[in-house]
Amino acid sequence: AMIGLVKEVKPRYACTDVKAMTHEKALVTYQLDRRLYQHRRYFGWMGFVPAQITHAQIRDAHAVHPVDGLGTVIVSVPGVFDPTDDAQVDKVHRVEMDLASYDLLPVTDPNLKG
C-alpha cells in the first residue's frame, strides 16, 4: 500500500506512527513517547525517503523497496509495529540512526541538536 501511495502522491518524505496500549492501559505512540530524535523527523515502522537506498545501507531494516525514480520505501520491522515492545523500538532506532547518517531524517529544530 505504501508503494502505491508513493507512486500516486509522490511525497518528499513519509513516516508511519503507531499507537498501542500498555498492560497498565496507558496509550503509547512512537512519535510522542518512543522516538529517537527530538530534533529530527521520526521514521517509525515504515516510510519513504526520496533517495535510492539499498538494504546493504540500512542493514537493520526488515525490507527495502526501491520506487523507480522517486526513492525508497523502507519497512523497519516485520508485521505490525508495537511501540511498547523494547526490542522492536530498538530496531526502529537503529534504522533511524542509519537514515540520519545519510542525512535522510530531516532536522526539524536545529536548536534541539545538542
PDB file of N, CA and C in Angstrom:
ATOM      1  N   ALA A   1       0.817  -1.193   0.000  1.00  0.00           N
ATOM      2  CA  ALA A   1       0.000   0.000   0.000  1.00  0.00           C
ATOM      3  C   ALA A   1       0.864   1.261   0.000  1.00  0.00           C
ATOM      4  N   MET A   2       1.942   1.236   0.784  1.00  0.00           N
ATOM      5  CA  MET A   2       2.821   2.412   0.859  1.00  0.00           C
ATOM      6  C   MET A   2       3.455   2.693  -0.503  1.00  0.00           C
ATOM      7  N   ILE A   3       3.873   1.652  -1.199  1.00  0.00           N
ATOM      8  CA  ILE A   3       4.483   1.846  -2.518  1.00  0.00           C
ATOM      9  C   ILE A   3       3.476   2.482  -3.472  1.00  0.00           C
ATOM     10  N   GLY A   4       2.243   2.001  -3.462  1.00  0.00           N
ATOM     11  CA  GLY A   4       1.198   2.571  -4.305  1.00  0.00           C
ATOM     12  C   GLY A   4       0.934   4.029  -3.985  1.00  0.00           C
ATOM     13  N   LEU A   5       0.894   4.363  -2.699  1.00  0.00           N
ATOM     14  CA  LEU A   5       0.693   5.755  -2.297  1.00  0.00           C
ATOM     15  C   LEU A   5       1.840   6.645  -2.756  1.00  0.00           C
ATOM     16  N   VAL A   6       3.055   6.145  -2.627  1.00  0.00           N
ATOM     17  CA  VAL A   6       4.218   6.920  -3.056  1.00  0.00           C
ATOM     18  C   VAL A   6       4.147   7.197  -4.551  1.00  0.00           C
ATOM     19  N   LYS A   7       3.790   6.189  -5.333  1.00  0.00           N
ATOM     20  CA  LYS A   7       3.692   6.381  -6.785  1.00  0.00           C
ATOM     21  C   LYS A   7       2.611   7.392  -7.151  1.00  0.00           C
ATOM     22  N   GLU A   8       1.536   7.403  -6.398  1.00  0.00           N
ATOM     23  CA  GLU A   8       0.417   8.298  -6.700  1.00  0.00           C
ATOM     24  C   GLU A   8       0.655   9.712  -6.172  1.00  0.00           C
ATOM     25  N   VAL A   9       1.071   9.827  -4.928  1.00  0.00           N
ATOM     26  CA  VAL A   9       1.181  11.126  -4.264  1.00  0.00           C
ATOM     27  C   VAL A   9       2.540  11.790  -4.496  1.00  0.00           C
ATOM     28  N   LYS A  10       3.581  10.998  -4.668  1.00  0.00           N
ATOM     29  CA  LYS A  10       4.954  11.488  -4.861  1.00  0.00           C
ATOM     30  C   LYS A  10       5.396  12.420  -3.720  1.00  0.00           C
ATOM     31  N   PRO A  11       5.404  11.904  -2.486  1.00  0.00           N
ATOM     32  CA  PRO A  11       5.779  12.740  -1.341  1.00  0.00           C
ATOM     33  C   PRO A  11       7.281  13.002  -1.296  1.00  0.00           C
ATOM     34  N   ARG A  12       7.660  13.977  -0.521  1.00  0.00           N
ATOM     35  CA  ARG A  12       9.083  14.240  -0.278  1.00  0.00           C
ATOM     36  C   ARG A  12       9.606  13.362   0.843  1.00  0.00           C
ATOM     37  N   TYR A  13       8.698  12.919   1.715  1.00  0.00           N
ATOM     38  CA  TYR A  13       9.055  12.103   2.875  1.00  0.00           C
ATOM     39  C   TYR A  13       7.757  11.534   3.427  1.00  0.00           C
ATOM     40  N   ALA A  14       7.802  10.328   3.965  1.00  0.00           N
ATOM     41  CA  ALA A  14       6.627   9.751   4.616  1.00  0.00           C
ATOM     42  C   ALA A  14       7.083   8.891   5.783  1.00  0.00           C
ATOM     43  N   CYS A  15       6.289   8.884   6.844  1.00  0.00           N
ATOM     44  CA  CYS A  15       6.585   8.060   8.015  1.00  0.00           C
ATOM     45  C   CYS A  15       5.279   7.483   8.551  1.00  0.00           C
ATOM     46  N   THR A  16       5.415   6.482   9.397  1.00  0.00           N
ATOM     47  CA  THR A  16       4.232   5.812   9.928  1.00  0.00           C
ATOM     48  C   THR A  16       4.297   5.765  11.446  1.00  0.00           C
ATOM     49  N   ASP A  17       3.351   6.404  12.095  1.00  0.00           N
ATOM     50  CA  ASP A  17       3.255   6.353  13.550  1.00  0.00           C
ATOM     51  C   ASP A  17       2.306   5.226  13.929  1.00  0.00           C
ATOM     52  N   VAL A  18       2.549   4.645  15.081  1.00  0.00           N
ATOM     53  CA  VAL A  18       1.711   3.564  15.589  1.00  0.00           C
ATOM     54  C   VAL A  18       1.464   3.826  17.069  1.00  0.00           C
ATOM     55  N   LYS A  19       0.272   3.486  17.527  1.00  0.00           N
ATOM     56  CA  LYS A  19      -0.027   3.595  18.949  1.00  0.00           C
ATOM     57  C   LYS A  19      -0.477   2.245  19.485  1.00  0.00           C
ATOM     58  N   ALA A  20      -0.241   2.034  20.781  1.00  0.00           N
ATOM     59  CA  ALA A  20      -0.616   0.785  21.433  1.00  0.00           C
ATOM     60  C   ALA A  20      -0.875   1.054  22.909  1.00  0.00           C
ATOM     61  N   MET A  21      -1.597   0.151  23.516  1.00  0.00           N
ATOM     62  CA  MET A  21      -1.880   0.249  24.947  1.00  0.00           C
ATOM     63  C   MET A  21      -0.884  -0.620  25.716  1.00  0.00           C
ATOM     64  N   THR A  22      -0.396  -0.093  26.835  1.00  0.00           N
ATOM     65  CA  THR A  22       0.461  -0.884  27.714  1.00  0.00           C
ATOM     66  C   THR A  22      -0.427  -1.776  28.576  1.00  0.00           C
ATOM     67  N   HIS A  23       0.203  -2.653  29.331  1.00  0.00           N
ATOM     68  CA  HIS A  23      -0.564  -3.516  30.253  1.00  0.00           C
ATOM     69  C   HIS A  23      -1.306  -2.686  31.301  1.00  0.00           C
ATOM     70  N   GLU A  24      -0.773  -1.498  31.579  1.00  0.00           N
ATOM     71  CA  GLU A  24      -1.399  -0.602  32.558  1.00  0.00           C
ATOM     72  C   GLU A  24      -2.472   0.281  31.926  1.00  0.00           C
ATOM     73  N   LYS A  25      -2.801   0.027  30.672  1.00  0.00           N
ATOM     74  CA  LYS A  25      -3.839   0.762  29.925  1.00  0.00           C
ATOM     75  C   LYS A  25      -3.428   2.195  29.590  1.00  0.00           C
ATOM     76  N   ALA A  26      -2.141   2.427  29.449  1.00  0.00           N
ATOM     77  CA  ALA A  26      -1.671   3.735  29.016  1.00  0.00           C
ATOM     78  C   ALA A  26      -1.435   3.694  27.509  1.00  0.00           C
ATOM     79  N   LEU A  27      -1.803   4.754  26.830  1.00  0.00           N
ATOM     80  CA  LEU A  27      -1.611   4.834  25.388  1.00  0.00           C
ATOM     81  C   LEU A  27      -0.193   5.311  25.091  1.00  0.00           C
ATOM     82  N   VAL A  28       0.511   4.581  24.232  1.00  0.00           N
ATOM     83  CA  VAL A  28       1.883   4.915  23.843  1.00  0.00           C
ATOM     84  C   VAL A  28       1.907   5.084  22.332  1.00  0.00           C
ATOM     85  N   THR A  29       2.468   6.190  21.865  1.00  0.00           N
ATOM     86  CA  THR A  29       2.686   6.374  20.432  1.00  0.00           C
ATOM     87  C   THR A  29       4.183   6.467  20.196  1.00  0.00           C
ATOM     88  N   TYR A  30       4.614   6.000  19.037  1.00  0.00           N
ATOM     89  CA  TYR A  30       6.034   6.083  18.733  1.00  0.00           C
ATOM     90  C   TYR A  30       6.464   7.538  18.635  1.00  0.00           C
ATOM     91  N   GLN A  31       5.738   8.332  17.891  1.00  0.00           N
ATOM     92  CA  GLN A  31       6.118   9.718  17.628  1.00  0.00           C
ATOM     93  C   GLN A  31       6.287  10.529  18.915  1.00  0.00           C
ATOM     94  N   LEU A  32       5.392  10.390  19.855  1.00  0.00           N
ATOM     95  CA  LEU A  32       5.427  11.203  21.066  1.00  0.00           C
ATOM     96  C   LEU A  32       6.222  10.576  22.199  1.00  0.00           C
ATOM     97  N   ASP A  33       6.173   9.253  22.317  1.00  0.00           N
ATOM     98  CA  ASP A  33       6.724   8.600  23.505  1.00  0.00           C
ATOM     99  C   ASP A  33       8.022   7.827  23.298  1.00  0.00           C
ATOM    100  N   ARG A  34       8.289   7.347  22.090  1.00  0.00           N
ATOM    101  CA  ARG A  34       9.418   6.441  21.915  1.00  0.00           C
ATOM    102  C   ARG A  34      10.425   6.874  20.847  1.00  0.00           C
ATOM    103  N   ARG A  35      10.208   7.991  20.199  1.00  0.00           N
ATOM    104  CA  ARG A  35      11.079   8.412  19.103  1.00  0.00           C
ATOM    105  C   ARG A  35      12.513   8.590  19.587  1.00  0.00           C
ATOM    106  N   LEU A  36      13.442   8.420  18.677  1.00  0.00           N
ATOM    107  CA  LEU A  36      14.864   8.521  18.996  1.00  0.00           C
ATOM    108  C   LEU A  36      15.329   9.968  19.068  1.00  0.00           C
ATOM    109  N   TYR A  37      15.018  10.743  18.041  1.00  0.00           N
ATOM    110  CA  TYR A  37      15.497  12.121  17.933  1.00  0.00           C
ATOM    111  C   TYR A  37      14.366  13.107  18.174  1.00  0.00           C
ATOM    112  N   GLN A  38      14.624  14.105  18.988  1.00  0.00           N
ATOM    113  CA  GLN A  38      13.633  15.168  19.188  1.00  0.00           C
ATOM    114  C   GLN A  38      13.810  16.281  18.164  1.00  0.00           C
ATOM    115  N   HIS A  39      14.991  16.376  17.550  1.00  0.00           N
ATOM    116  CA  HIS A  39      15.272  17.465  16.615  1.00  0.00           C
ATOM    117  C   HIS A  39      15.134  17.055  15.154  1.00  0.00           C
ATOM    118  N   ARG A  40      14.746  15.808  14.911  1.00  0.00           N
ATOM    119  CA  ARG A  40      14.562  15.309  13.542  1.00  0.00           C
ATOM    120  C   ARG A  40      13.160  14.720  13.390  1.00  0.00           C
ATOM    121  N   ARG A  41      12.731  14.578  12.144  1.00  0.00           N
ATOM    122  CA  ARG A  41      11.500  13.835  11.888  1.00  0.00           C
ATOM    123  C   ARG A  41      11.715  12.400  12.342  1.00  0.00           C
ATOM    124  N   TYR A  42      10.665  11.764  12.772  1.00  0.00           N
ATOM    125  CA  TYR A  42      10.755  10.338  13.094  1.00  0.00           C
ATOM    126  C   TYR A  42      10.474   9.546  11.822  1.00  0.00           C
ATOM    127  N   PHE A  43      10.837   8.269  11.820  1.00  0.00           N
ATOM    128  CA  PHE A  43      10.553   7.403  10.682  1.00  0.00           C
ATOM    129  C   PHE A  43       9.547   6.341  11.094  1.00  0.00           C
ATOM    130  N   GLY A  44       9.805   5.682  12.207  1.00  0.00           N
ATOM    131  CA  GLY A  44       8.862   4.703  12.733  1.00  0.00           C
ATOM    132  C   GLY A  44       8.849   3.381  12.000  1.00  0.00           C
ATOM    133  N   TRP A  45       7.671   2.776  11.949  1.00  0.00           N
ATOM    134  CA  TRP A  45       7.501   1.424  11.437  1.00  0.00           C
ATOM    135  C   TRP A  45       7.910   1.303   9.973  1.00  0.00           C
ATOM    136  N   MET A  46       7.410   2.188   9.139  1.00  0.00           N
ATOM    137  CA  MET A  46       7.781   2.190   7.727  1.00  0.00           C
ATOM    138  C   MET A  46       7.567   3.575   7.160  1.00  0.00           C
ATOM    139  N   GLY A  47       8.222   3.812   6.037  1.00  0.00           N
ATOM    140  CA  GLY A  47       8.067   5.114   5.424  1.00  0.00           C
ATOM    141  C   GLY A  47       8.795   5.198   4.096  1.00  0.00           C
ATOM    142  N   PHE A  48       8.944   6.428   3.634  1.00  0.00           N
ATOM    143  CA  PHE A  48       9.538   6.693   2.331  1.00  0.00           C
ATOM    144  C   PHE A  48      10.587   7.781   2.470  1.00  0.00           C
ATOM    145  N   VAL A  49      11.717   7.581   1.799  1.00  0.00           N
ATOM    146  CA  VAL A  49      12.745   8.617   1.700  1.00  0.00           C
ATOM    147  C   VAL A  49      13.010   8.880   0.218  1.00  0.00           C
ATOM    148  N   PRO A  50      13.308  10.126  -0.140  1.00  0.00           N
ATOM    149  CA  PRO A  50      13.493  10.483  -1.546  1.00  0.00           C
ATOM    150  C   PRO A  50      14.915  10.204  -2.044  1.00  0.00           C
ATOM    151  N   ALA A  51      15.392   8.998  -1.813  1.00  0.00           N
ATOM    152  CA  ALA A  51      16.733   8.594  -2.250  1.00  0.00           C
ATOM    153  C   ALA A  51      16.718   7.098  -2.520  1.00  0.00           C
ATOM    154  N   GLN A  52      17.560   6.678  -3.433  1.00  0.00           N
ATOM    155  CA  GLN A  52      17.684   5.242  -3.714  1.00  0.00           C
ATOM    156  C   GLN A  52      18.610   4.640  -2.657  1.00  0.00           C
ATOM    157  N   ILE A  53      18.046   3.828  -1.787  1.00  0.00           N
ATOM    158  CA  ILE A  53      18.780   3.208  -0.682  1.00  0.00           C
ATOM    159  C   ILE A  53      18.734   1.699  -0.869  1.00  0.00           C
ATOM    160  N   THR A  54      19.833   1.038  -0.592  1.00  0.00           N
ATOM    161  CA  THR A  54      19.865  -0.423  -0.681  1.00  0.00           C
ATOM    162  C   THR A  54      19.753  -1.031   0.716  1.00  0.00           C
ATOM    163  N   HIS A  55      19.419  -2.301   0.742  1.00  0.00           N
ATOM    164  CA  HIS A  55      19.341  -2.997   2.019  1.00  0.00           C
ATOM    165  C   HIS A  55      20.712  -3.046   2.691  1.00  0.00           C
ATOM    166  N   ALA A  56      21.773  -3.084   1.900  1.00  0.00           N
ATOM    167  CA  ALA A  56      23.123  -3.085   2.453  1.00  0.00           C
ATOM    168  C   ALA A  56      23.409  -1.789   3.215  1.00  0.00           C
ATOM    169  N   GLN A  57      22.783  -0.697   2.828  1.00  0.00           N
ATOM    170  CA  GLN A  57      22.979   0.583   3.507  1.00  0.00           C
ATOM    171  C   GLN A  57      22.169   0.683   4.799  1.00  0.00           C
ATOM    172  N   ILE A  58      21.023   0.040   4.828  1.00  0.00           N
ATOM    173  CA  ILE A  58      20.131   0.062   6.002  1.00  0.00           C
ATOM    174  C   ILE A  58      19.939  -1.397   6.439  1.00  0.00           C
ATOM    175  N   ARG A  59      21.003  -1.988   6.950  1.00  0.00           N
ATOM    176  CA  ARG A  59      21.020  -3.430   7.263  1.00  0.00           C
ATOM    177  C   ARG A  59      19.994  -3.853   8.293  1.00  0.00           C
ATOM    178  N   ASP A  60      19.646  -2.970   9.218  1.00  0.00           N
ATOM    179  CA  ASP A  60      18.703  -3.350  10.263  1.00  0.00           C
ATOM    180  C   ASP A  60      17.251  -3.314   9.815  1.00  0.00           C
ATOM    181  N   ALA A  61      16.983  -2.764   8.648  1.00  0.00           N
ATOM    182  CA  ALA A  61      15.606  -2.717   8.146  1.00  0.00           C
ATOM    183  C   ALA A  61      15.128  -4.116   7.788  1.00  0.00           C
ATOM    184  N   HIS A  62      13.855  -4.353   8.001  1.00  0.00           N
ATOM    185  CA  HIS A  62      13.265  -5.629   7.608  1.00  0.00           C
ATOM    186  C   HIS A  62      13.224  -5.754   6.094  1.00  0.00           C
ATOM    187  N   ALA A  63      12.837  -4.678   5.404  1.00  0.00           N
ATOM    188  CA  ALA A  63      12.729  -4.717   3.944  1.00  0.00           C
ATOM    189  C   ALA A  63      12.976  -3.328   3.369  1.00  0.00           C
ATOM    190  N   VAL A  64      13.516  -3.314   2.152  1.00  0.00           N
ATOM    191  CA  VAL A  64      13.802  -2.081   1.426  1.00  0.00           C
ATOM    192  C   VAL A  64      13.241  -2.242   0.016  1.00  0.00           C
ATOM    193  N   HIS A  65      12.371  -1.317  -0.386  1.00  0.00           N
ATOM    194  CA  HIS A  65      11.703  -1.411  -1.688  1.00  0.00           C
ATOM    195  C   HIS A  65      11.957  -0.149  -2.504  1.00  0.00           C
ATOM    196  N   PRO A  66      12.818  -0.231  -3.526  1.00  0.00           N
ATOM    197  CA  PRO A  66      13.022   0.946  -4.377  1.00  0.00           C
ATOM    198  C   PRO A  66      11.748   1.269  -5.161  1.00  0.00           C
ATOM    199  N   VAL A  67      11.487   2.557  -5.313  1.00  0.00           N
ATOM    200  CA  VAL A  67      10.362   3.027  -6.112  1.00  0.00           C
ATOM    201  C   VAL A  67      10.983   3.837  -7.242  1.00  0.00           C
ATOM    202  N   ASP A  68      10.949   3.284  -8.442  1.00  0.00           N
ATOM    203  CA  ASP A  68      11.654   3.841  -9.591  1.00  0.00           C
ATOM    204  C   ASP A  68      11.517   5.345  -9.729  1.00  0.00           C
ATOM    205  N   GLY A  69      12.657   6.006  -9.743  1.00  0.00           N
ATOM    206  CA  GLY A  69      12.698   7.429  -9.986  1.00  0.00           C
ATOM    207  C   GLY A  69      12.232   8.309  -8.844  1.00  0.00           C
ATOM    208  N   LEU A  70      11.748   7.717  -7.759  1.00  0.00           N
ATOM    209  CA  LEU A  70      11.206   8.518  -6.661  1.00  0.00           C
ATOM    210  C   LEU A  70      11.999   8.389  -5.370  1.00  0.00           C
ATOM    211  N   GLY A  71      12.416   7.184  -5.025  1.00  0.00           N
ATOM    212  CA  GLY A  71      13.116   6.963  -3.767  1.00  0.00           C
ATOM    213  C   GLY A  71      12.938   5.539  -3.290  1.00  0.00           C
ATOM    214  N   THR A  72      12.799   5.376  -1.970  1.00  0.00           N
ATOM    215  CA  THR A  72      12.760   4.041  -1.380  1.00  0.00           C
ATOM    216  C   THR A  72      11.746   3.979  -0.243  1.00  0.00           C
ATOM    217  N   VAL A  73      10.951   2.914  -0.245  1.00  0.00           N
ATOM    218  CA  VAL A  73      10.091   2.595   0.885  1.00  0.00           C
ATOM    219  C   VAL A  73      10.864   1.612   1.761  1.00  0.00           C
ATOM    220  N   ILE A  74      10.945   1.919   3.047  1.00  0.00           N
ATOM    221  CA  ILE A  74      11.689   1.092   3.990  1.00  0.00           C
ATOM    222  C   ILE A  74      10.734   0.613   5.073  1.00  0.00           C
ATOM    223  N   VAL A  75      10.788  -0.681   5.379  1.00  0.00           N
ATOM    224  CA  VAL A  75       9.998  -1.278   6.456  1.00  0.00           C
ATOM    225  C   VAL A  75      10.973  -1.632   7.571  1.00  0.00           C
ATOM    226  N   SER A  76      10.790  -1.023   8.731  1.00  0.00           N
ATOM    227  CA  SER A  76      11.730  -1.228   9.835  1.00  0.00           C
ATOM    228  C   SER A  76      11.603  -2.600  10.483  1.00  0.00           C
ATOM    229  N   VAL A  77      10.381  -3.001  10.785  1.00  0.00           N
ATOM    230  CA  VAL A  77      10.145  -4.294  11.448  1.00  0.00           C
ATOM    231  C   VAL A  77       9.025  -5.035  10.718  1.00  0.00           C
ATOM    232  N   PRO A  78       9.065  -6.378  10.733  1.00  0.00           N
ATOM    233  CA  PRO A  78       8.000  -7.136  10.065  1.00  0.00           C
ATOM    234  C   PRO A  78       6.696  -7.067  10.848  1.00  0.00           C
ATOM    235  N   GLY A  79       5.603  -7.310  10.157  1.00  0.00           N
ATOM    236  CA  GLY A  79       4.301  -7.331  10.819  1.00  0.00           C
ATOM    237  C   GLY A  79       3.911  -5.949  11.298  1.00  0.00           C
ATOM    238  N   VAL A  80       3.089  -5.910  12.327  1.00  0.00           N
ATOM    239  CA  VAL A  80       2.622  -4.645  12.883  1.00  0.00           C
ATOM    240  C   VAL A  80       3.559  -4.225  14.007  1.00  0.00           C
ATOM    241  N   PHE A  81       4.064  -3.023  13.910  1.00  0.00           N
ATOM    242  CA  PHE A  81       4.984  -2.472  14.904  1.00  0.00           C
ATOM    243  C   PHE A  81       4.251  -2.198  16.209  1.00  0.00           C
ATOM    244  N   ASP A  82       4.870  -2.597  17.328  1.00  0.00           N
ATOM    245  CA  ASP A  82       4.327  -2.365  18.659  1.00  0.00           C
ATOM    246  C   ASP A  82       5.264  -1.411  19.405  1.00  0.00           C
ATOM    247  N   PRO A  83       4.883  -0.155  19.591  1.00  0.00           N
ATOM    248  CA  PRO A  83       5.777   0.794  20.245  1.00  0.00           C
ATOM    249  C   PRO A  83       6.008   0.524  21.728  1.00  0.00           C
ATOM    250  N   THR A  84       5.333  -0.474  22.290  1.00  0.00           N
ATOM    251  CA  THR A  84       5.602  -0.855  23.685  1.00  0.00           C
ATOM    252  C   THR A  84       6.624  -1.982  23.767  1.00  0.00           C
ATOM    253  N   ASP A  85       7.029  -2.529  22.623  1.00  0.00           N
ATOM    254  CA  ASP A  85       8.000  -3.627  22.576  1.00  0.00           C
ATOM    255  C   ASP A  85       9.407  -3.034  22.442  1.00  0.00           C
ATOM    256  N   ASP A  86      10.201  -3.132  23.502  1.00  0.00           N
ATOM    257  CA  ASP A  86      11.529  -2.518  23.513  1.00  0.00           C
ATOM    258  C   ASP A  86      12.437  -3.044  22.403  1.00  0.00           C
ATOM    259  N   ALA A  87      12.344  -4.320  22.067  1.00  0.00           N
ATOM    260  CA  ALA A  87      13.192  -4.885  21.009  1.00  0.00           C
ATOM    261  C   ALA A  87      12.827  -4.292  19.646  1.00  0.00           C
ATOM    262  N   GLN A  88      11.537  -4.131  19.389  1.00  0.00           N
ATOM    263  CA  GLN A  88      11.117  -3.520  18.126  1.00  0.00           C
ATOM    264  C   GLN A  88      11.508  -2.043  18.076  1.00  0.00           C
ATOM    265  N   VAL A  89      11.350  -1.345  19.175  1.00  0.00           N
ATOM    266  CA  VAL A  89      11.728   0.072  19.223  1.00  0.00           C
ATOM    267  C   VAL A  89      13.232   0.208  18.989  1.00  0.00           C
ATOM    268  N   ASP A  90      14.027  -0.679  19.575  1.00  0.00           N
ATOM    269  CA  ASP A  90      15.473  -0.645  19.365  1.00  0.00           C
ATOM    270  C   ASP A  90      15.810  -0.813  17.886  1.00  0.00           C
ATOM    271  N   LYS A  91      15.121  -1.723  17.219  1.00  0.00           N
ATOM    272  CA  LYS A  91      15.370  -1.939  15.788  1.00  0.00           C
ATOM    273  C   LYS A  91      14.994  -0.693  14.972  1.00  0.00           C
ATOM    274  N   VAL A  92      13.871  -0.081  15.288  1.00  0.00           N
ATOM    275  CA  VAL A  92      13.461   1.149  14.600  1.00  0.00           C
ATOM    276  C   VAL A  92      14.499   2.248  14.848  1.00  0.00           C
ATOM    277  N   HIS A  93      14.996   2.343  16.064  1.00  0.00           N
ATOM    278  CA  HIS A  93      16.024   3.340  16.371  1.00  0.00           C
ATOM    279  C   HIS A  93      17.285   3.113  15.536  1.00  0.00           C
ATOM    280  N   ARG A  94      17.694   1.867  15.352  1.00  0.00           N
ATOM    281  CA  ARG A  94      18.876   1.576  14.533  1.00  0.00           C
ATOM    282  C   ARG A  94      18.639   1.982  13.079  1.00  0.00           C
ATOM    283  N   VAL A  95      17.436   1.745  12.568  1.00  0.00           N
ATOM    284  CA  VAL A  95      17.108   2.174  11.201  1.00  0.00           C
ATOM    285  C   VAL A  95      17.164   3.700  11.120  1.00  0.00           C
ATOM    286  N   GLU A  96      16.610   4.387  12.118  1.00  0.00           N
ATOM    287  CA  GLU A  96      16.638   5.850  12.116  1.00  0.00           C
ATOM    288  C   GLU A  96      18.064   6.385  12.218  1.00  0.00           C
ATOM    289  N   MET A  97      18.929   5.730  12.990  1.00  0.00           N
ATOM    290  CA  MET A  97      20.330   6.151  13.057  1.00  0.00           C
ATOM    291  C   MET A  97      20.995   6.038  11.689  1.00  0.00           C
ATOM    292  N   ASP A  98      20.719   4.944  10.994  1.00  0.00           N
ATOM    293  CA  ASP A  98      21.273   4.780   9.642  1.00  0.00           C
ATOM    294  C   ASP A  98      20.748   5.868   8.709  1.00  0.00           C
ATOM    295  N   LEU A  99      19.447   6.126   8.749  1.00  0.00           N
ATOM    296  CA  LEU A  99      18.875   7.163   7.895  1.00  0.00           C
ATOM    297  C   LEU A  99      19.474   8.533   8.213  1.00  0.00           C
ATOM    298  N   ALA A 100      19.652   8.821   9.487  1.00  0.00           N
ATOM    299  CA  ALA A 100      20.252  10.105   9.872  1.00  0.00           C
ATOM    300  C   ALA A 100      21.692  10.200   9.372  1.00  0.00           C
ATOM    301  N   SER A 101      22.409   9.078   9.370  1.00  0.00           N
ATOM    302  CA  SER A 101      23.799   9.108   8.905  1.00  0.00           C
ATOM    303  C   SER A 101      23.882   9.434   7.418  1.00  0.00           C
ATOM    304  N   TYR A 102      22.827   9.156   6.669  1.00  0.00           N
ATOM    305  CA  TYR A 102      22.755   9.515   5.248  1.00  0.00           C
ATOM    306  C   TYR A 102      22.019  10.843   5.041  1.00  0.00           C
ATOM    307  N   ASP A 103      21.738  11.551   6.132  1.00  0.00           N
ATOM    308  CA  ASP A 103      21.020  12.824   6.107  1.00  0.00           C
ATOM    309  C   ASP A 103      19.633  12.675   5.478  1.00  0.00           C
ATOM    310  N   LEU A 104      18.957  11.564   5.802  1.00  0.00           N
ATOM    311  CA  LEU A 104      17.621  11.299   5.262  1.00  0.00           C
ATOM    312  C   LEU A 104      16.513  11.423   6.309  1.00  0.00           C
ATOM    313  N   LEU A 105      16.865  11.854   7.521  1.00  0.00           N
ATOM    314  CA  LEU A 105      15.864  12.207   8.530  1.00  0.00           C
ATOM    315  C   LEU A 105      15.980  13.717   8.723  1.00  0.00           C
ATOM    316  N   PRO A 106      15.129  14.477   8.081  1.00  0.00           N
ATOM    317  CA  PRO A 106      15.264  15.924   8.119  1.00  0.00           C
ATOM    318  C   PRO A 106      15.251  16.501   9.550  1.00  0.00           C
ATOM    319  N   VAL A 107      16.112  17.476   9.771  1.00  0.00           N
ATOM    320  CA  VAL A 107      16.144  18.202  11.039  1.00  0.00           C
ATOM    321  C   VAL A 107      14.936  19.128  11.066  1.00  0.00           C
ATOM    322  N   THR A 108      14.189  19.072  12.156  1.00  0.00           N
ATOM    323  CA  THR A 108      13.006  19.921  12.294  1.00  0.00           C
ATOM    324  C   THR A 108      13.257  21.090  13.231  1.00  0.00           C
ATOM    325  N   ASP A 109      14.219  20.933  14.142  1.00  0.00           N
ATOM    326  CA  ASP A 109      14.540  22.023  15.071  1.00  0.00           C
ATOM    327  C   ASP A 109      16.027  21.998  15.386  1.00  0.00           C
ATOM    328  N   PRO A 110      16.824  22.799  14.673  1.00  0.00           N
ATOM    329  CA  PRO A 110      18.277  22.798  14.891  1.00  0.00           C
ATOM    330  C   PRO A 110      18.667  23.237  16.293  1.00  0.00           C
ATOM    331  N   ASN A 111      17.773  23.914  17.019  1.00  0.00           N
ATOM    332  CA  ASN A 111      18.070  24.350  18.384  1.00  0.00           C
ATOM    333  C   ASN A 111      18.115  23.197  19.373  1.00  0.00           C
ATOM    334  N   LEU A 112      17.523  22.058  19.022  1.00  0.00           N
ATOM    335  CA  LEU A 112      17.490  20.905  19.929  1.00  0.00           C
ATOM    336  C   LEU A 112      18.641  19.930  19.688  1.00  0.00           C
ATOM    337  N   LYS A 113      19.487  20.197  18.713  1.00  0.00           N
ATOM    338  CA  LYS A 113      20.541  19.248  18.344  1.00  0.00           C
ATOM    339  C   LYS A 113      21.401  18.814  19.518  1.00  0.00           C
ATOM    340  N   GLY A 114      21.867  19.722  20.291  1.00  0.00           N
ATOM    341  CA  GLY A 114      22.680  19.455  21.475  1.00  0.00           C
ATOM    342  C   GLY A 114      23.599  18.371  21.468  1.00  0.00           C
TER     343      GLY A 114
END
